[in-house]
Each structure stands twice: as C-alpha cells, then as structure tokens.
Amino acid sequence: MRPTVLLFDVDGTLVSTGGSGRRAIERAFARTFGERPGAFAFPFDGMTDRAIVRTALRRSDLPHGDAEIDAFLPAYLEVLEEEVATAPYYRLHRGMREAVDRALARPEVAVGLGTGNVRDGARLKLERVGIYDAFAFGGFGCDHEDRALLIRRGAERGAERLGVPLSACRVVIIGDTPKDVAAARAMDAECIGVGTGSFGPAQLLACGATAAFRDFGEEGVLHALLA
C-alpha cells in the first residue's frame, strides 16, 4: 500500500456538537466586544475559527486584524469548554471510530486532523467522545486562516511521521463541506465526503469529491479510505 495520510475534519464529520461551537463563539464575542446584532448572521460550515471571528469583526465595523483575533481566542476556548461539557446533544458519527481504528492499524497510514478549529478547540470537542488521542498530528485553524493551506500543513506533518516526502504520499481529506473538497483539490488530494453535516453526498460529489457517503457506516467506506 502506498504511504497514506488521512486528515479528518471535526465538526459535522467526526462529531456533531449540538451547536456548542457556534454558541461559544457568539457568547465569547459578546463578552469581549459587546453585543453586536447580526455579527454572526452567516453559516460557519467549512470556515476556520479565525476566519469566522474576522468576518464577525468586519460585519460589526470593528478592527479585524490578527491582534484582535489573538486576543479573542482564549475567551472563546474558555466558553467552549463550558458549552461542550453541558451540550445535551453530542455524538460521534456512525462508523467513524471503526474507520479510525482500522486506519491506525496500518503502519503505512498516518491518521490526523484537518480542521478549521484551533488545536485546543479540536481537542475540547473530541475529548468528550474519547477520540482525540487517536490523532497524533493535524492541520489546524491556528496554522493558517486559509483552509487549503492548513490542510497542506497537516499533510506535511503526516508525511513527516511516515518518513517520506509528501509527494510520495496518497493524501485523503475526509470532510462534510464543499470547502473540504476545495481544499483537497487545491493540493491534488482525494476527498471523501460524508453527508453528516449540511451537505448531502450528491452535493459533495458535484463539488468534486472522489467519493461520498451518507455516513461512515455505509458499505464501501473502508475500501475508499484504505484502498
């Protein structure tokens, strides 16, 4: 088997958090910058944490540089910890644990995250369902605001773990949004779409996903992932 780097998205792909992330970012934003009606009247799907905050600051006619975002993130993580702990609806999606475990059993496969969450945000969200420790590396929203560039950084880290150049690797992005597909295509990687977020398999295939499934419990998932 060719050396393979798998990068799993978090929100909508591995887990659904019952809106914990949106509630946390809105609460922390109000606490930090005051109530700003309409600041978050846009979908978060596929956006990085930093891009979400920058967009909200811009919509609020507030300074929206890196310094403002950097100052905001600790407050966000504090609130996120509360929201994750108390969310009544929270789930690891069907088939994900088995897929990750099967991939981890292959010495030629590096299993990481490819997510717009900052690293500690991803940790908080995945620790609740006991799967965070399965991912030894990743590309995160704190690596870059642009999803395609953070995905590339995650792929580079995976190749380093395998001890081979990135050019020698099969790279597979697993995600639930067209932005995941676009990030994969930007580096000529494969993308396996999963319809557990806001987009169905047909929509993800139309965007250019290599394969797409309703969830990872469907037949054929492991073959697509580890072929």
Protein backbone atom coordinates (compact mmCIF):
# COMPACT_ATOMS: atom_id res chain seq x y z
CA MET A 1 0.00 0.00 0.00
CA ARG A 2 1.24 3.48 -0.88
CA PRO A 3 2.10 5.69 2.15
CA THR A 4 -1.17 7.40 3.01
CA VAL A 5 -2.08 10.48 5.03
CA LEU A 6 -5.69 10.69 6.22
CA LEU A 7 -6.94 14.05 7.50
CA PHE A 8 -10.34 14.10 9.21
CA ASP A 9 -12.40 17.24 9.64
CA VAL A 10 -14.04 17.68 13.06
CA ASP A 11 -17.40 19.50 13.02
CA GLY A 12 -20.05 17.69 11.02
CA THR A 13 -17.60 14.97 10.01
CA LEU A 14 -16.31 13.23 13.13
CA VAL A 15 -18.78 14.79 15.53
CA SER A 16 -21.89 16.88 15.86
CA THR A 17 -21.71 19.05 18.95
CA GLY A 18 -25.27 20.35 19.18
CA GLY A 19 -24.18 23.87 18.29
CA SER A 20 -21.55 24.11 21.02
CA GLY A 21 -19.01 25.83 18.79
CA ARG A 22 -21.38 28.50 17.48
CA ARG A 23 -22.78 29.23 20.94
CA ALA A 24 -19.28 29.51 22.39
CA ILE A 25 -18.00 31.86 19.73
CA GLU A 26 -21.09 34.09 19.95
CA ARG A 27 -21.01 34.22 23.76
CA ALA A 28 -17.29 34.94 23.86
CA PHE A 29 -17.63 37.60 21.17
CA ALA A 30 -20.39 39.40 23.13
CA ARG A 31 -18.31 39.16 26.29
CA THR A 32 -15.22 40.57 24.56
CA PHE A 33 -16.66 43.13 22.12
CA GLY A 34 -20.20 43.75 23.37
CA GLU A 35 -23.48 42.75 21.79
CA ARG A 36 -23.28 43.13 18.00
CA PRO A 37 -26.58 42.19 16.33
CA GLY A 38 -26.10 40.46 13.03
CA ALA A 39 -22.39 39.82 13.52
CA PHE A 40 -22.84 36.08 13.03
CA ALA A 41 -25.68 36.03 10.50
CA PHE A 42 -23.76 33.71 8.19
CA PRO A 43 -23.11 29.93 8.03
CA PHE A 44 -19.93 28.62 9.65
CA ASP A 45 -19.73 25.46 7.50
CA GLY A 46 -16.14 24.82 6.45
CA MET A 47 -14.79 28.11 7.81
CA THR A 48 -11.75 28.33 10.06
CA ASP A 49 -12.15 29.76 13.57
CA ARG A 50 -10.01 32.76 12.67
CA ALA A 51 -11.99 33.47 9.50
CA ILE A 52 -15.26 33.31 11.46
CA VAL A 53 -14.03 35.84 14.01
CA ARG A 54 -12.55 38.13 11.37
CA THR A 55 -15.84 38.09 9.43
CA ALA A 56 -17.84 38.92 12.56
CA LEU A 57 -15.50 41.78 13.46
CA ARG A 58 -15.71 43.16 9.95
CA ARG A 59 -19.52 42.92 9.95
CA SER A 60 -19.50 44.80 13.27
CA ASP A 61 -17.30 47.61 11.88
CA LEU A 62 -14.61 46.74 14.42
CA PRO A 63 -10.86 46.40 13.90
CA HIS A 64 -10.30 42.93 12.47
CA GLY A 65 -6.57 42.35 12.48
CA ASP A 66 -4.64 39.39 13.82
CA ALA A 67 -4.12 41.11 17.19
CA GLU A 68 -7.86 41.32 17.82
CA ILE A 69 -8.37 37.68 16.87
CA ASP A 70 -5.43 36.52 19.00
CA ALA A 71 -6.85 38.40 22.00
CA PHE A 72 -10.28 36.83 21.48
CA LEU A 73 -9.35 33.15 21.21
CA PRO A 74 -8.58 32.46 24.93
CA ALA A 75 -12.05 33.74 25.87
CA TYR A 76 -13.57 31.56 23.18
CA LEU A 77 -11.80 28.43 24.43
CA GLU A 78 -12.91 29.12 28.00
CA VAL A 79 -16.56 29.34 26.92
CA LEU A 80 -16.21 26.40 24.54
CA GLU A 81 -15.13 24.17 27.41
CA GLU A 82 -18.34 25.05 29.25
CA GLU A 83 -20.53 24.53 26.18
CA VAL A 84 -19.01 21.16 25.27
CA ALA A 85 -19.39 19.89 28.83
CA THR A 86 -23.07 20.82 29.04
CA ALA A 87 -24.38 20.27 25.50
CA PRO A 88 -27.36 17.87 25.73
CA TYR A 89 -26.94 16.64 22.14
CA TYR A 90 -23.48 15.42 21.22
CA ARG A 91 -22.41 12.49 19.06
CA LEU A 92 -19.53 10.76 17.34
CA HIS A 93 -20.88 9.86 13.91
CA ARG A 94 -21.60 6.29 12.91
CA GLY A 95 -18.63 4.33 11.60
CA MET A 96 -16.00 6.92 12.48
CA ARG A 97 -14.40 5.10 15.39
CA GLU A 98 -14.10 1.88 13.39
CA ALA A 99 -12.64 3.71 10.39
CA VAL A 100 -10.06 5.50 12.53
CA ASP A 101 -9.13 2.29 14.37
CA ARG A 102 -8.74 0.36 11.12
CA ALA A 103 -6.54 3.08 9.69
CA LEU A 104 -4.40 3.25 12.82
CA ALA A 105 -3.70 -0.47 12.49
CA ARG A 106 -1.92 0.13 9.18
CA PRO A 107 1.75 1.11 9.65
CA GLU A 108 1.80 2.81 6.26
CA VAL A 109 -1.09 5.13 7.21
CA ALA A 110 -0.80 8.37 9.21
CA VAL A 111 -4.11 9.46 10.77
CA GLY A 112 -4.54 13.13 11.60
CA LEU A 113 -6.97 16.02 11.70
CA GLY A 114 -7.63 18.62 9.04
CA THR A 115 -9.86 21.22 10.67
CA GLY A 116 -10.57 24.91 10.85
CA ASN A 117 -10.71 24.60 14.64
CA VAL A 118 -7.72 25.91 16.53
CA ARG A 119 -5.88 22.97 18.07
CA ASP A 120 -7.31 23.36 21.59
CA GLY A 121 -10.81 23.74 20.18
CA ALA A 122 -10.47 20.45 18.32
CA ARG A 123 -9.15 18.83 21.50
CA LEU A 124 -12.10 20.01 23.59
CA LYS A 125 -14.65 18.84 21.02
CA LEU A 126 -13.12 15.40 20.50
CA GLU A 127 -12.19 14.62 24.11
CA ARG A 128 -15.86 14.48 25.06
CA VAL A 129 -16.34 11.46 22.76
CA GLY A 130 -12.98 9.91 23.68
CA ILE A 131 -11.36 10.02 20.25
CA TYR A 132 -8.92 12.95 20.40
CA ASP A 133 -5.91 10.82 21.34
CA ALA A 134 -6.28 8.84 18.10
CA PHE A 135 -4.95 11.82 16.16
CA ALA A 136 -1.26 12.42 16.72
CA PHE A 137 -0.99 15.40 14.36
CA GLY A 138 -3.02 17.61 12.10
CA GLY A 139 -3.51 20.87 10.28
CA PHE A 140 -5.45 23.36 12.40
CA GLY A 141 -7.07 26.76 12.24
CA CYS A 142 -4.14 28.13 14.24
CA ASP A 143 -1.75 27.04 11.46
CA HIS A 144 -3.43 29.18 8.83
CA GLU A 145 -6.68 31.02 8.25
CA ASP A 146 -6.92 29.61 4.72
CA ARG A 147 -8.31 26.08 4.81
CA ALA A 148 -6.29 24.84 1.85
CA LEU A 149 -3.02 25.95 3.46
CA LEU A 150 -3.78 24.43 6.86
CA ILE A 151 -4.72 21.17 5.12
CA ARG A 152 -1.38 21.18 3.32
CA ARG A 153 0.39 21.73 6.65
CA GLY A 154 -1.42 18.73 8.10
CA ALA A 155 -0.44 16.62 5.10
CA GLU A 156 3.19 17.68 5.51
CA ARG A 157 3.13 16.61 9.16
CA GLY A 158 1.64 13.26 8.18
CA ALA A 159 4.35 12.67 5.59
CA GLU A 160 6.98 13.53 8.20
CA ARG A 161 5.54 10.89 10.53
CA LEU A 162 5.74 8.32 7.74
CA GLY A 163 9.31 9.34 6.94
CA VAL A 164 8.64 10.01 3.26
CA PRO A 165 8.25 13.12 1.10
CA LEU A 166 4.74 14.47 0.75
CA SER A 167 5.00 13.88 -2.99
CA ALA A 168 5.27 10.13 -2.31
CA CYS A 169 2.01 10.05 -0.29
CA ARG A 170 -1.60 9.44 -1.10
CA VAL A 171 -3.43 12.19 0.78
CA VAL A 172 -7.13 11.83 1.61
CA ILE A 173 -9.25 14.58 3.15
CA ILE A 174 -12.43 13.44 4.93
CA GLY A 175 -14.97 16.22 5.25
CA ASP A 176 -18.58 17.31 5.10
CA THR A 177 -18.49 20.62 3.19
CA PRO A 178 -17.58 21.91 -0.27
CA LYS A 179 -14.73 23.81 1.40
CA ASP A 180 -13.18 20.46 2.40
CA VAL A 181 -13.43 19.33 -1.20
CA ALA A 182 -11.90 22.57 -2.48
CA ALA A 183 -9.01 22.32 -0.01
CA ALA A 184 -8.29 18.77 -1.17
CA ARG A 185 -8.43 19.74 -4.83
CA ALA A 186 -6.07 22.66 -4.20
CA MET A 187 -3.31 20.16 -3.38
CA ASP A 188 -4.42 17.39 -5.76
CA ALA A 189 -5.53 15.22 -2.86
CA GLU A 190 -8.51 12.89 -2.73
CA CYS A 191 -11.58 13.86 -0.76
CA ILE A 192 -14.11 11.51 0.79
CA GLY A 193 -17.29 13.43 1.50
CA VAL A 194 -19.63 12.49 4.30
CA GLY A 195 -23.24 13.67 4.45
CA THR A 196 -23.46 14.11 8.21
CA GLY A 197 -23.30 17.90 8.05
CA SER A 198 -25.27 20.38 5.98
CA PHE A 199 -24.47 18.87 2.57
CA GLY A 200 -25.52 15.54 1.09
CA PRO A 201 -23.31 13.09 -0.79
CA ALA A 202 -24.63 14.21 -4.20
CA GLN A 203 -23.72 17.82 -3.45
CA LEU A 204 -20.22 16.86 -2.36
CA LEU A 205 -19.69 14.70 -5.45
CA ALA A 206 -20.86 17.61 -7.61
CA CYS A 207 -18.16 19.76 -5.99
CA GLY A 208 -15.50 17.21 -6.96
CA ALA A 209 -15.29 14.75 -4.05
CA THR A 210 -13.60 11.48 -5.01
CA ALA A 211 -16.30 9.51 -3.18
CA ALA A 212 -19.13 10.40 -0.82
CA PHE A 213 -21.31 8.54 1.68
CA ARG A 214 -24.29 9.31 3.89
CA ASP A 215 -22.13 8.34 6.87
CA PHE A 216 -19.14 6.11 7.56
CA GLY A 217 -21.35 3.18 8.41
CA GLU A 218 -22.11 2.63 4.73
CA GLU A 219 -20.68 -0.26 2.76
CA GLY A 220 -17.61 0.69 0.75
CA VAL A 221 -16.27 3.33 3.12
CA LEU A 222 -13.24 1.37 4.30
CA HIS A 223 -12.33 0.38 0.75
CA ALA A 224 -12.46 4.04 -0.35
CA LEU A 225 -10.47 5.11 2.69
CA LEU A 226 -7.75 2.46 2.64
CA ALA A 227 -7.65 1.23 -0.96
